[in-house]
Protein backbone atom coordinates (compact mmCIF):
# COMPACT_ATOMS: atom_id res chain seq x y z
CA MET A 1 149.51 145.25 -11.99
CA ILE A 2 147.28 141.96 -10.12
CA ASP A 3 144.43 142.63 -8.84
CA LYS A 4 144.11 140.41 -6.00
CA THR A 5 140.77 140.69 -3.86
CA VAL A 6 140.76 140.19 0.33
CA ASN A 7 137.05 139.07 1.49
CA ASN A 8 135.31 140.33 -1.89
CA LYS A 9 137.34 143.35 -1.71
CA THR A 10 139.82 145.14 -3.99
CA ALA A 11 143.23 145.05 -1.74
CA TYR A 12 144.88 148.79 -1.50
CA ILE A 13 148.30 149.18 -2.37
CA LYS A 14 149.27 153.01 -0.17
CA THR A 15 151.22 154.96 -2.30
CA THR A 16 152.21 158.65 -1.69
CA ILE A 17 151.65 161.84 -4.16
CA PRO A 18 153.19 164.94 -3.61
CA MET A 19 150.39 167.84 -4.40
CA PRO A 20 151.25 171.55 -2.88
CA LYS A 21 149.35 173.04 -0.10
CA ASN A 22 146.53 174.46 -2.29
CA MET A 23 145.46 171.06 -3.81
CA VAL A 24 145.67 169.37 -0.55
CA LYS A 25 143.87 171.98 1.33
CA PHE A 26 141.09 171.62 -1.72
CA LEU A 27 140.90 168.13 -1.49
CA HIS A 28 140.27 168.71 2.28
CA ASN A 29 137.52 171.50 1.84
CA LEU A 30 135.80 169.09 -0.41
CA GLY A 31 135.92 166.47 2.67
CA LEU A 32 134.34 168.81 4.86
CA ASP A 33 131.66 169.52 2.86
CA SER A 34 130.65 165.93 2.92
CA LYS A 35 130.27 166.50 6.62
CA THR A 36 127.69 168.90 6.83
CA SER A 37 125.59 167.34 4.03
CA LYS A 38 126.50 163.94 5.71
CA GLY A 39 125.64 164.45 9.41
CA GLY A 40 129.17 164.15 10.77
CA TYR A 41 131.24 162.65 9.03
CA THR A 42 134.70 164.31 6.65
CA MET A 43 134.91 162.38 3.42
CA ALA A 44 138.70 161.22 3.47
CA LYS A 45 141.05 162.83 0.74
CA ALA A 46 141.97 159.08 0.01
CA THR A 47 138.50 158.48 -0.57
CA ILE A 48 138.24 161.40 -3.11
CA VAL A 49 141.21 160.65 -4.88
CA ARG A 50 140.12 157.10 -5.64
CA ALA A 51 136.74 158.42 -6.96
CA LEU A 52 138.55 160.93 -9.24
CA CYS A 53 140.76 158.07 -11.10
CA GLU A 54 137.71 155.65 -11.00
CA ALA A 55 135.18 158.46 -12.66
CA LEU A 56 138.78 159.27 -14.97
CA GLU A 57 138.45 155.24 -16.24
CA GLU A 58 134.83 155.58 -17.22
CA ILE A 59 135.38 158.56 -19.46
CA ASP A 60 138.70 157.38 -20.97
CA LYS A 61 136.23 153.91 -21.79
CA LYS A 62 133.68 156.30 -23.43
CA VAL A 63 136.21 159.17 -25.29
CA LYS A 64 139.35 157.98 -24.83
CA ILE A 65 142.31 160.34 -22.70
CA ASP A 66 144.59 161.14 -25.20
CA LEU A 67 148.10 161.94 -23.29
CA ARG A 68 150.25 161.26 -26.69
CA GLU A 69 152.95 164.20 -27.03
CA CYS A 70 152.00 166.09 -23.34
CA THR A 71 154.45 166.76 -21.04
CA THR A 72 153.28 168.65 -18.75
CA GLN A 73 150.85 168.56 -15.75
CA GLU A 74 149.06 171.20 -17.38
CA ASP A 75 149.19 169.62 -21.07
CA VAL A 76 147.19 166.65 -18.97
CA LYS A 77 144.92 169.03 -17.12
CA GLN A 78 144.06 170.07 -20.77
CA ARG A 79 143.46 166.53 -22.45
CA ILE A 80 141.08 165.57 -19.40
CA ILE A 81 138.87 168.79 -19.57
CA ILE A 82 138.61 168.02 -23.59
CA ALA A 83 137.76 164.31 -22.36
CA ILE A 84 135.29 165.98 -20.07
CA LYS A 85 134.31 168.17 -22.56
CA LYS A 86 133.37 164.68 -25.08
CA TYR A 87 131.84 162.91 -22.26
CA SER A 88 129.37 165.64 -20.93
CA GLY A 89 128.51 166.79 -24.43
């Protein structure tokens, strides 16, 4: 993918990620938490997801998230948890 910039800002590509209701509710509630601490501003779910991706990129640069032989979402989640522990430790 080519990284194009517009006015010194990275251009975004809109994507749809199907999620179960509980995940959407979790993201919504995280956004609401920021409202109480930032004086009335609810953090957008997209902002939270982008921040999660950036955090995973940073972790991957340091400890490499190994997804080889993963076949399920649960496998991926466990590998990410392992990488976070290595990154934090």
